[in-house]
């Protein structure tokens, strides 16, 4: 493809995406394709000869789009917000088009230095002190893995330089909540702790970890000869956006010398609102924290910000220094290959930079406040409606609800919950995700898509009532 051919196809692609976003509300929110339906429409073997972009765009429109659930739809209330604001989309496009790699500072100086700037901008926006240094990773799953590897090495005085965990006399223990993200368990396994050494700390009636239960668990483990290593607390759990009390947990972690990692993947975005920072009081007592700006903030996926207080320790754990990557500038610059798992890195900072400059902090704050207000409005409707319950506190933009008609309980109530949620999703008018809370199924309503306004939340509530009360 020549630059002129690229120019023509590129204009077509921009028009395609612009039209898609402009008319997205006309599409059913959830994909209606059957398993294997998309695959059946695609050739089983690669094309031997070149194809024109006309054919590619046609298949994109006729085969791929119908097989998508539309996360940018104003009536998408499933999972969590994963917004790709168009300014960020352009930044991602620019990054891919430039085609540079950050193997080292020398390989693309602007890539490294822009990343330093934008991660520090977000640090300031979230109210974190200058003690924190940030780096862009792909997802929170990777950030948690890196955090637990750093915790492991601090607890063992860098066992990686000796025999690794196999050579340690005492097993290391990680503490977390039953409501933490599944990636915490996965990261602990990949970091070598072993499933038996991931200990679940009891939570309170608001689904938040209890610091006194953490203290009890640590004491019990010390008594039986294992070594406490790390705690993962959550600001905004996946199921209900519960808020672990970071300050109390940090106090216990500090007392016993444990690494404290705070998972603020979705809810961390709320910290750009000063009135929300109470949600992670005590954050300065943590060792690391993750914010997924590719969720509620609006950066196109993937872009997770990982902050640490001791960057020298992170570098010592992650550092590699092959001869072909060394340069005379190494003593004066950051080499971000030493701040995470991959050697190479994409120019992710561009899409964050584009977004922050195009929106500004005030416009981002206004959108978040809109979503928080819409969540409170819906919570009030549910609380005052007959047979409906709000099942957990609503500090952020997610509401956990259940319709509980007289005479239904247990598995029959679960079946009813699945049935009405499925009818909502299959209608194409909205998308919700059921989940389990306290052993029973309920429905999460996650508000936060870019175009979602009060009218869309009102329409959702009307639809929920109609489908839940249908006989």
Protein backbone atom coordinates (compact mmCIF):
# COMPACT_ATOMS: atom_id res chain seq x y z
CA UNK A 1 0.00 0.00 0.00
CA UNK A 2 1.44 3.33 -1.07
CA UNK A 3 1.08 6.51 1.03
CA UNK A 4 -1.61 7.75 -1.42
CA UNK A 5 -3.55 4.50 -1.20
CA UNK A 6 -3.23 4.71 2.59
CA UNK A 7 -4.55 8.28 2.51
CA UNK A 8 -7.66 7.21 0.60
CA UNK A 9 -8.38 4.16 2.78
CA UNK A 10 -7.61 6.15 5.92
CA UNK A 11 -10.18 8.80 5.07
CA UNK A 12 -12.71 6.03 4.46
CA UNK A 13 -11.90 4.42 7.80
CA UNK A 14 -12.25 7.71 9.71
CA UNK A 15 -15.61 8.29 8.01
CA UNK A 16 -16.64 4.73 8.86
CA UNK A 17 -15.83 5.15 12.57
CA UNK A 18 -17.45 8.61 12.69
CA UNK A 19 -20.65 7.24 11.12
CA UNK A 20 -20.57 4.26 13.49
CA UNK A 21 -20.36 6.51 16.54
CA UNK A 22 -22.97 8.95 15.20
CA UNK A 23 -25.52 6.19 14.61
CA UNK A 24 -24.54 3.72 17.34
CA UNK A 25 -27.74 4.34 19.32
CA UNK A 26 -29.72 2.83 16.42
CA UNK A 27 -28.02 -0.55 16.84
CA UNK A 28 -29.02 -3.31 19.28
CA UNK A 29 -26.62 -3.05 22.21
CA UNK A 30 -25.85 -6.77 22.55
CA UNK A 31 -24.69 -8.90 19.63
CA UNK A 32 -27.38 -11.27 18.41
CA UNK A 33 -25.06 -13.68 16.63
CA UNK A 34 -25.09 -17.39 17.45
CA UNK A 35 -21.85 -19.19 18.39
CA UNK A 36 -19.78 -19.78 15.26
CA UNK A 37 -21.91 -17.51 13.08
CA UNK A 38 -19.19 -14.94 12.41
CA UNK A 39 -16.55 -17.60 11.82
CA UNK A 40 -18.80 -19.37 9.31
CA UNK A 41 -18.93 -16.23 7.15
CA UNK A 42 -15.15 -15.96 6.89
CA UNK A 43 -12.85 -18.03 4.65
CA UNK A 44 -11.12 -20.92 6.34
CA UNK A 45 -7.85 -20.23 4.48
CA UNK A 46 -5.91 -16.98 3.97
CA UNK A 47 -6.29 -15.10 0.66
CA UNK A 48 -3.67 -16.02 -1.93
CA UNK A 49 -4.05 -12.75 -3.83
CA UNK A 50 -4.46 -9.14 -2.67
CA UNK A 51 -7.94 -7.79 -1.98
CA UNK A 52 -9.10 -4.21 -2.29
CA UNK A 53 -10.16 -2.22 0.72
CA UNK A 54 -13.68 -1.97 -0.68
CA UNK A 55 -14.15 -5.67 0.04
CA UNK A 56 -12.53 -5.36 3.46
CA UNK A 57 -14.79 -2.46 4.47
CA UNK A 58 -17.84 -4.33 3.19
CA UNK A 59 -17.08 -7.35 5.37
CA UNK A 60 -16.28 -5.10 8.32
CA UNK A 61 -19.75 -3.59 8.01
CA UNK A 62 -21.73 -6.72 7.14
CA UNK A 63 -19.96 -9.45 9.14
CA UNK A 64 -17.95 -7.90 11.96
CA UNK A 65 -20.23 -5.11 13.22
CA UNK A 66 -23.29 -7.36 13.66
CA UNK A 67 -21.11 -9.63 15.79
CA UNK A 68 -20.19 -6.90 18.25
CA UNK A 69 -21.75 -5.81 21.52
CA UNK A 70 -21.45 -2.04 21.43
CA UNK A 71 -19.57 -0.75 24.47
CA UNK A 72 -19.84 2.87 23.31
CA UNK A 73 -23.66 2.67 23.09
CA UNK A 74 -25.60 5.07 25.35
CA UNK A 75 -27.57 2.09 26.72
CA UNK A 76 -24.54 -0.06 27.53
CA UNK A 77 -24.71 -0.69 31.28
CA UNK A 78 -22.75 -3.97 31.43
CA UNK A 79 -19.44 -4.90 33.03
CA UNK A 80 -17.77 -1.49 33.52
CA UNK A 81 -17.24 1.63 31.38
CA UNK A 82 -14.58 1.04 28.73
CA UNK A 83 -14.72 4.27 26.88
CA UNK A 84 -12.77 5.02 23.73
CA UNK A 85 -13.26 8.76 23.40
CA UNK A 86 -12.62 9.85 19.84
CA UNK A 87 -9.68 12.11 20.72
CA UNK A 88 -8.00 9.07 22.26
CA UNK A 89 -8.89 6.96 19.21
CA UNK A 90 -6.95 9.46 17.10
CA UNK A 91 -4.02 9.20 19.50
CA UNK A 92 -4.06 5.42 19.15
CA UNK A 93 -4.22 5.79 15.37
CA UNK A 94 -1.22 8.15 15.47
CA UNK A 95 0.71 5.74 17.66
CA UNK A 96 0.11 2.81 15.32
CA UNK A 97 0.82 4.92 12.26
CA UNK A 98 4.13 6.19 13.58
CA UNK A 99 5.12 2.58 14.28
CA UNK A 100 7.84 3.32 16.86
CA UNK A 101 8.93 1.09 19.74
CA UNK A 102 10.21 2.03 23.16
CA UNK A 103 12.93 -0.56 23.69
CA UNK A 104 14.94 2.11 25.49
CA UNK A 105 14.97 5.88 25.82
CA UNK A 106 17.38 6.05 22.87
CA UNK A 107 15.09 4.04 20.59
CA UNK A 108 12.42 6.79 20.71
CA UNK A 109 13.13 9.56 23.25
CA UNK A 110 9.75 11.27 22.87
CA UNK A 111 7.92 8.02 23.62
CA UNK A 112 9.57 7.76 27.04
CA UNK A 113 9.41 11.42 27.96
CA UNK A 114 5.78 11.94 26.95
CA UNK A 115 4.90 8.89 29.07
CA UNK A 116 6.69 10.49 32.01
CA UNK A 117 4.72 13.70 31.51
CA UNK A 118 1.22 12.23 31.13
CA UNK A 119 1.56 9.77 34.00
CA UNK A 120 2.61 12.69 36.18
CA UNK A 121 -0.37 14.74 34.94
CA UNK A 122 -2.73 11.96 36.05
CA UNK A 123 -0.87 11.67 39.36
CA UNK A 124 -1.63 15.32 39.98
CA UNK A 125 -5.23 14.95 38.80
CA UNK A 126 -5.80 12.08 41.26
CA UNK A 127 -4.27 13.99 44.19
CA UNK A 128 -1.30 11.66 44.68
CA UNK A 129 1.86 13.16 46.19
CA UNK A 130 5.16 13.66 44.37
CA UNK A 131 6.44 10.49 46.06
CA UNK A 132 4.74 8.44 43.33
CA UNK A 133 6.24 7.61 39.91
CA UNK A 134 4.11 6.18 37.12
CA UNK A 135 4.45 3.98 34.08
CA UNK A 136 1.93 2.77 31.49
CA UNK A 137 1.19 -0.96 31.44
CA UNK A 138 -1.40 -2.78 29.35
CA UNK A 139 -3.95 -3.87 31.97
CA UNK A 140 -4.50 -4.01 35.72
CA UNK A 141 -3.81 -7.74 35.58
CA UNK A 142 -0.22 -7.03 34.56
CA UNK A 143 0.09 -4.27 37.16
CA UNK A 144 -0.99 -6.62 39.94
CA UNK A 145 1.46 -9.26 38.75
CA UNK A 146 4.30 -6.72 38.77
CA UNK A 147 3.25 -5.54 42.25
CA UNK A 148 3.28 -9.06 43.67
CA UNK A 149 6.65 -9.81 42.09
CA UNK A 150 8.02 -6.65 43.74
CA UNK A 151 6.44 -7.70 47.04
CA UNK A 152 8.00 -11.17 46.73
CA UNK A 153 11.47 -9.76 46.12
CA UNK A 154 11.29 -7.30 48.99
CA UNK A 155 10.15 -10.01 51.39
CA UNK A 156 12.95 -12.38 50.34
CA UNK A 157 15.78 -9.86 49.89
CA UNK A 158 15.75 -10.55 46.14
CA UNK A 159 15.44 -14.32 45.95
CA UNK A 160 15.40 -14.04 42.15
CA UNK A 161 19.16 -13.48 42.27
CA UNK A 162 19.57 -16.77 44.15
CA UNK A 163 17.37 -19.86 43.98
CA UNK A 164 13.98 -18.19 43.66
CA UNK A 165 11.02 -19.17 45.81
CA UNK A 166 12.06 -22.82 45.73
CA UNK A 167 15.05 -21.94 47.90
CA UNK A 168 13.03 -20.06 50.54
CA UNK A 169 12.49 -21.79 53.87
CA UNK A 170 9.09 -20.22 54.56
CA UNK A 171 6.12 -20.01 52.18
CA UNK A 172 5.05 -16.44 51.41
CA UNK A 173 1.42 -15.39 51.89
CA UNK A 174 -0.71 -12.86 49.97
CA UNK A 175 -3.85 -11.42 51.57
CA UNK A 176 -6.88 -10.20 49.68
CA UNK A 177 -10.67 -10.03 49.86
CA UNK A 178 -13.28 -12.40 48.47
CA UNK A 179 -14.47 -9.40 46.43
CA UNK A 180 -11.14 -8.57 44.82
CA UNK A 181 -10.75 -9.02 41.08
CA UNK A 182 -9.96 -12.47 39.72
CA UNK A 183 -6.67 -11.10 38.37
CA UNK A 184 -5.34 -10.91 41.95
CA UNK A 185 -5.60 -14.67 42.35
CA UNK A 186 -4.12 -15.19 38.89
CA UNK A 187 -1.21 -12.82 39.56
CA UNK A 188 -0.41 -14.56 42.85
CA UNK A 189 -0.29 -17.90 41.06
CA UNK A 190 1.91 -16.59 38.24
CA UNK A 191 4.26 -14.92 40.73
CA UNK A 192 4.81 -18.32 42.32
CA UNK A 193 2.99 -17.97 45.64
CA UNK A 194 0.68 -20.95 45.08
CA UNK A 195 -3.05 -21.09 45.64
CA UNK A 196 -2.75 -22.32 49.23
CA UNK A 197 -0.84 -19.17 50.10
CA UNK A 198 -3.49 -16.73 48.87
CA UNK A 199 -5.53 -16.02 52.00
CA UNK A 200 -8.96 -14.44 51.84
CA UNK A 201 -9.61 -11.86 54.54
CA UNK A 202 -13.12 -11.48 55.93
CA UNK A 203 -15.23 -8.54 54.79
CA UNK A 204 -17.93 -6.45 56.45
CA UNK A 205 -21.60 -5.95 55.53
CA UNK A 206 -20.55 -3.44 52.86
CA UNK A 207 -18.27 -6.05 51.23
CA UNK A 208 -15.09 -4.22 52.30
CA UNK A 209 -12.06 -5.94 53.82
CA UNK A 210 -11.89 -5.71 57.63
CA UNK A 211 -8.46 -4.47 58.86
CA UNK A 212 -8.91 -6.27 62.18
CA UNK A 213 -9.54 -9.53 60.30
CA UNK A 214 -6.37 -8.90 58.30
CA UNK A 215 -4.45 -8.47 61.56
CA UNK A 216 -5.89 -11.72 62.90
CA UNK A 217 -5.00 -13.62 59.75
CA UNK A 218 -1.43 -12.32 59.77
CA UNK A 219 -0.95 -13.28 63.44
CA UNK A 220 -2.31 -16.76 62.79
CA UNK A 221 0.06 -17.22 59.85
CA UNK A 222 3.07 -16.02 61.83
CA UNK A 223 2.19 -18.51 64.56
CA UNK A 224 2.19 -21.42 62.13
CA UNK A 225 5.53 -20.45 60.58
CA UNK A 226 4.63 -18.94 57.21
CA UNK A 227 5.72 -15.48 56.08
CA UNK A 228 3.18 -12.71 55.36
CA UNK A 229 4.27 -10.87 52.22
CA UNK A 230 1.64 -8.66 50.57
CA UNK A 231 -1.88 -7.29 50.78
CA UNK A 232 -4.04 -6.36 47.79
CA UNK A 233 -6.77 -3.90 48.73
CA UNK A 234 -9.45 -2.70 46.33
CA UNK A 235 -10.91 0.72 45.81
CA UNK A 236 -14.08 -0.16 43.91
CA UNK A 237 -14.52 -3.93 43.70
CA UNK A 238 -15.77 -5.40 40.43
CA UNK A 239 -19.07 -6.79 41.63
CA UNK A 240 -20.34 -3.96 43.81
CA UNK A 241 -17.65 -1.19 43.82
CA UNK A 242 -17.01 -1.83 47.51
CA UNK A 243 -14.27 0.27 49.08
CA UNK A 244 -11.67 -1.49 51.19
CA UNK A 245 -10.53 0.88 54.01
CA UNK A 246 -7.05 1.66 52.68
CA UNK A 247 -5.97 3.65 55.72
CA UNK A 248 -6.68 0.85 58.21
CA UNK A 249 -5.20 -1.80 55.92
CA UNK A 250 -2.08 0.31 55.36
CA UNK A 251 -1.61 0.62 59.10
CA UNK A 252 -1.64 -3.19 59.49
CA UNK A 253 0.59 -3.71 56.45
CA UNK A 254 3.13 -1.19 57.71
CA UNK A 255 3.17 -2.78 61.16
CA UNK A 256 4.10 -6.16 59.71
CA UNK A 257 6.29 -4.95 56.82
CA UNK A 258 3.91 -6.12 54.07
CA UNK A 259 3.72 -4.67 50.57
CA UNK A 260 0.35 -2.96 49.99
CA UNK A 261 -0.97 -2.83 46.45
CA UNK A 262 -4.21 -0.93 45.82
CA UNK A 263 -6.38 -1.99 42.88
CA UNK A 264 -8.23 1.16 41.85
CA UNK A 265 -8.62 0.03 38.26
CA UNK A 266 -12.07 1.46 37.56
CA UNK A 267 -12.71 3.64 40.60
CA UNK A 268 -9.31 5.34 40.44
CA UNK A 269 -10.72 7.60 37.76
CA UNK A 270 -13.12 9.05 40.35
CA UNK A 271 -10.13 10.45 42.23
CA UNK A 272 -9.90 13.29 39.71
CA UNK A 273 -12.91 14.56 41.69
CA UNK A 274 -11.67 16.00 44.99
CA UNK A 275 -14.98 15.07 46.63
CA UNK A 276 -14.30 11.37 45.93
CA UNK A 277 -10.79 11.08 47.36
CA UNK A 278 -12.12 9.98 50.74
CA UNK A 279 -12.67 6.64 49.03
CA UNK A 280 -8.97 5.85 49.22
CA UNK A 281 -7.98 7.71 52.39
CA UNK A 282 -4.57 6.41 53.41
CA UNK A 283 -3.36 5.82 49.84
CA UNK A 284 -0.02 7.44 50.69
CA UNK A 285 0.62 4.43 52.91
CA UNK A 286 0.47 2.03 49.95
CA UNK A 287 3.47 0.80 47.94
CA UNK A 288 1.76 0.61 44.55
CA UNK A 289 -1.55 1.47 42.93
CA UNK A 290 -3.16 0.90 39.53
CA UNK A 291 -5.63 3.13 37.66
CA UNK A 292 -7.15 1.94 34.39
CA UNK A 293 -7.59 5.14 32.44
CA UNK A 294 -8.98 2.97 29.63
CA UNK A 295 -12.13 2.48 31.66
CA UNK A 296 -14.20 5.35 33.00
CA UNK A 297 -11.75 8.15 32.11
CA UNK A 298 -12.10 7.47 28.38
CA UNK A 299 -8.72 6.39 26.99
CA UNK A 300 -8.98 3.79 24.22
CA UNK A 301 -8.07 0.31 25.50
CA UNK A 302 -5.41 -0.61 26.62
CA UNK A 303 -3.80 1.87 29.00
CA UNK A 304 -3.27 1.10 32.71
CA UNK A 305 -1.25 3.43 34.90
CA UNK A 306 0.92 1.73 37.53
CA UNK A 307 2.33 3.95 40.26
CA UNK A 308 5.01 3.02 42.78
CA UNK A 309 6.62 4.86 45.67
CA UNK A 310 9.98 3.10 45.34
CA UNK A 311 10.88 3.09 41.66
CA UNK A 312 14.45 1.95 42.41
CA UNK A 313 13.08 -1.29 43.84
CA UNK A 314 10.84 -1.80 40.79
CA UNK A 315 13.82 -1.27 38.48
CA UNK A 316 15.98 -3.69 40.44
CA UNK A 317 13.32 -6.39 40.15
CA UNK A 318 12.54 -5.80 36.47
CA UNK A 319 15.87 -4.62 35.06
CA UNK A 320 17.52 -6.15 32.02
CA UNK A 321 20.46 -4.51 30.29
CA UNK A 322 21.55 -6.31 27.12
CA UNK A 323 24.53 -4.76 25.36
CA UNK A 324 22.60 -3.91 22.20
CA UNK A 325 20.26 -1.59 24.13
CA UNK A 326 22.88 0.37 26.08
CA UNK A 327 23.56 4.01 25.27
CA UNK A 328 25.54 6.93 26.64
CA UNK A 329 22.30 8.51 27.88
CA UNK A 330 21.30 5.63 30.20
CA UNK A 331 22.51 7.35 33.38
CA UNK A 332 20.36 10.43 32.66
CA UNK A 333 17.05 8.91 31.52
CA UNK A 334 14.33 6.37 32.29
CA UNK A 335 14.47 3.13 30.37
CA UNK A 336 10.88 1.96 30.74
CA UNK A 337 11.77 -1.61 29.77
CA UNK A 338 12.95 -1.79 33.39
CA UNK A 339 9.53 -0.75 34.73
CA UNK A 340 7.52 -3.81 33.71
CA UNK A 341 7.44 -7.17 31.96
CA UNK A 342 7.81 -6.45 28.22
CA UNK A 343 11.00 -5.29 26.56
CA UNK A 344 9.22 -3.29 23.87
CA UNK A 345 6.36 -0.87 24.43
CA UNK A 346 3.87 0.87 22.19
CA UNK A 347 3.46 4.63 22.19
CA UNK A 348 0.41 4.40 24.48
CA UNK A 349 1.09 7.81 25.97
CA UNK A 350 -0.15 9.48 22.78
CA UNK A 351 -3.77 8.41 23.26
CA UNK A 352 -3.76 9.62 26.87
CA UNK A 353 -2.07 12.88 25.82
CA UNK A 354 -4.60 13.49 23.04
CA UNK A 355 -7.50 12.88 25.42
CA UNK A 356 -6.25 15.07 28.26
CA UNK A 357 -5.51 17.96 25.93
CA UNK A 358 -8.79 17.74 23.98
CA UNK A 359 -10.98 17.35 27.08
CA UNK A 360 -9.16 19.16 29.84
CA UNK A 361 -9.65 18.21 33.48
CA UNK A 362 -12.86 20.21 33.88
CA UNK A 363 -14.74 18.44 31.08
CA UNK A 364 -13.63 15.04 32.35
CA UNK A 365 -14.80 15.95 35.83
CA UNK A 366 -18.16 17.14 34.54
CA UNK A 367 -18.79 13.83 32.76
CA UNK A 368 -17.95 11.81 35.87
CA UNK A 369 -20.23 13.95 38.02
CA UNK A 370 -23.02 13.38 35.51
CA UNK A 371 -22.57 9.61 35.80
CA UNK A 372 -22.47 9.70 39.59
CA UNK A 373 -25.69 11.73 39.66
CA UNK A 374 -27.38 9.32 37.26
CA UNK A 375 -26.38 6.37 39.46
CA UNK A 376 -27.88 8.05 42.53
CA UNK A 377 -31.08 8.81 40.59
CA UNK A 378 -31.48 5.17 39.57
CA UNK A 379 -30.69 3.95 43.08
CA UNK A 380 -33.48 6.12 44.46
CA UNK A 381 -35.96 4.76 41.91
CA UNK A 382 -35.08 1.19 42.86
CA UNK A 383 -35.25 1.87 46.60
CA UNK A 384 -38.74 3.33 46.41
CA UNK A 385 -40.20 0.74 44.00
CA UNK A 386 -42.20 -2.21 45.21
CA UNK A 387 -40.42 -5.59 45.05
CA UNK A 388 -37.07 -4.01 44.13
CA UNK A 389 -33.93 -3.84 46.27
CA UNK A 390 -30.57 -2.08 46.10
CA UNK A 391 -28.22 -4.72 47.49
CA UNK A 392 -25.03 -2.76 48.18
CA UNK A 393 -23.93 0.81 48.83
CA UNK A 394 -23.64 3.02 45.73
CA UNK A 395 -20.51 5.15 46.24
CA UNK A 396 -19.73 5.28 42.52
CA UNK A 397 -21.58 4.55 39.29
CA UNK A 398 -22.61 0.90 39.76
CA UNK A 399 -25.94 -0.18 41.26
CA UNK A 400 -26.54 -3.79 42.37
CA UNK A 401 -30.25 -4.57 42.14
CA UNK A 402 -32.68 -7.44 42.42
CA UNK A 403 -36.39 -7.78 41.71
CA UNK A 404 -37.89 -9.87 44.53
CA UNK A 405 -41.59 -10.57 43.96
CA UNK A 406 -43.56 -12.23 46.74
CA UNK A 407 -43.20 -15.99 46.90
CA UNK A 408 -39.84 -16.24 45.12
CA UNK A 409 -36.62 -17.19 46.88
CA UNK A 410 -33.54 -19.33 46.45
CA UNK A 411 -33.01 -20.92 43.05
CA UNK A 412 -36.42 -19.78 41.82
CA UNK A 413 -35.43 -16.19 42.49
CA UNK A 414 -32.11 -16.76 40.72
CA UNK A 415 -33.97 -18.10 37.69
CA UNK A 416 -36.26 -15.08 37.70
CA UNK A 417 -33.26 -12.73 37.87
CA UNK A 418 -31.55 -14.42 34.93
CA UNK A 419 -34.77 -14.44 32.93
CA UNK A 420 -35.61 -10.75 33.16
CA UNK A 421 -31.96 -9.68 32.67
CA UNK A 422 -31.77 -11.90 29.58
CA UNK A 423 -34.96 -10.37 28.20
CA UNK A 424 -33.50 -6.89 28.67
CA UNK A 425 -30.32 -7.86 26.84
CA UNK A 426 -32.06 -9.71 24.02
CA UNK A 427 -34.35 -6.75 23.43
CA UNK A 428 -31.35 -4.88 22.06
CA UNK A 429 -32.44 -1.80 23.99
CA UNK A 430 -29.92 -2.12 26.84
CA UNK A 431 -27.13 -4.36 28.14
CA UNK A 432 -26.79 -5.48 31.78
CA UNK A 433 -24.59 -8.07 33.47
CA UNK A 434 -25.81 -10.44 36.21
CA UNK A 435 -23.40 -11.40 38.99
CA UNK A 436 -23.41 -13.26 42.31
CA UNK A 437 -23.50 -11.37 45.60
CA UNK A 438 -23.91 -13.18 48.94
CA UNK A 439 -24.45 -16.45 47.09
CA UNK A 440 -27.44 -15.25 45.02
CA UNK A 441 -27.74 -13.78 41.55
CA UNK A 442 -28.42 -10.10 41.10
CA UNK A 443 -27.97 -7.57 38.30
CA UNK A 444 -25.29 -4.90 38.06
CA UNK A 445 -26.11 -1.61 36.34
CA UNK A 446 -22.84 0.11 35.46
CA UNK A 447 -23.35 3.68 34.28
CA UNK A 448 -20.54 5.46 32.50
CA UNK A 449 -20.59 5.20 28.70
CA UNK A 450 -19.65 8.49 27.04
CA UNK A 451 -23.07 9.27 25.48
CA UNK A 452 -25.21 8.04 28.40
CA UNK A 453 -27.52 10.78 29.65
CA UNK A 454 -30.40 10.79 32.15
CA UNK A 455 -32.89 9.94 29.41
CA UNK A 456 -31.06 6.67 28.74
CA UNK A 457 -31.06 5.74 32.43
CA UNK A 458 -34.78 6.55 32.66
CA UNK A 459 -35.45 4.35 29.62
CA UNK A 460 -33.42 1.55 31.20
CA UNK A 461 -35.41 1.70 34.44
CA UNK A 462 -38.68 1.56 32.52
CA UNK A 463 -37.42 -1.44 30.55
CA UNK A 464 -36.18 -3.24 33.67
CA UNK A 465 -39.56 -2.84 35.34
CA UNK A 466 -41.43 -4.05 32.28
CA UNK A 467 -39.27 -7.15 31.78
CA UNK A 468 -39.09 -8.06 35.47
CA UNK A 469 -42.88 -7.88 35.86
CA UNK A 470 -43.64 -9.77 32.66
CA UNK A 471 -45.44 -13.05 33.37
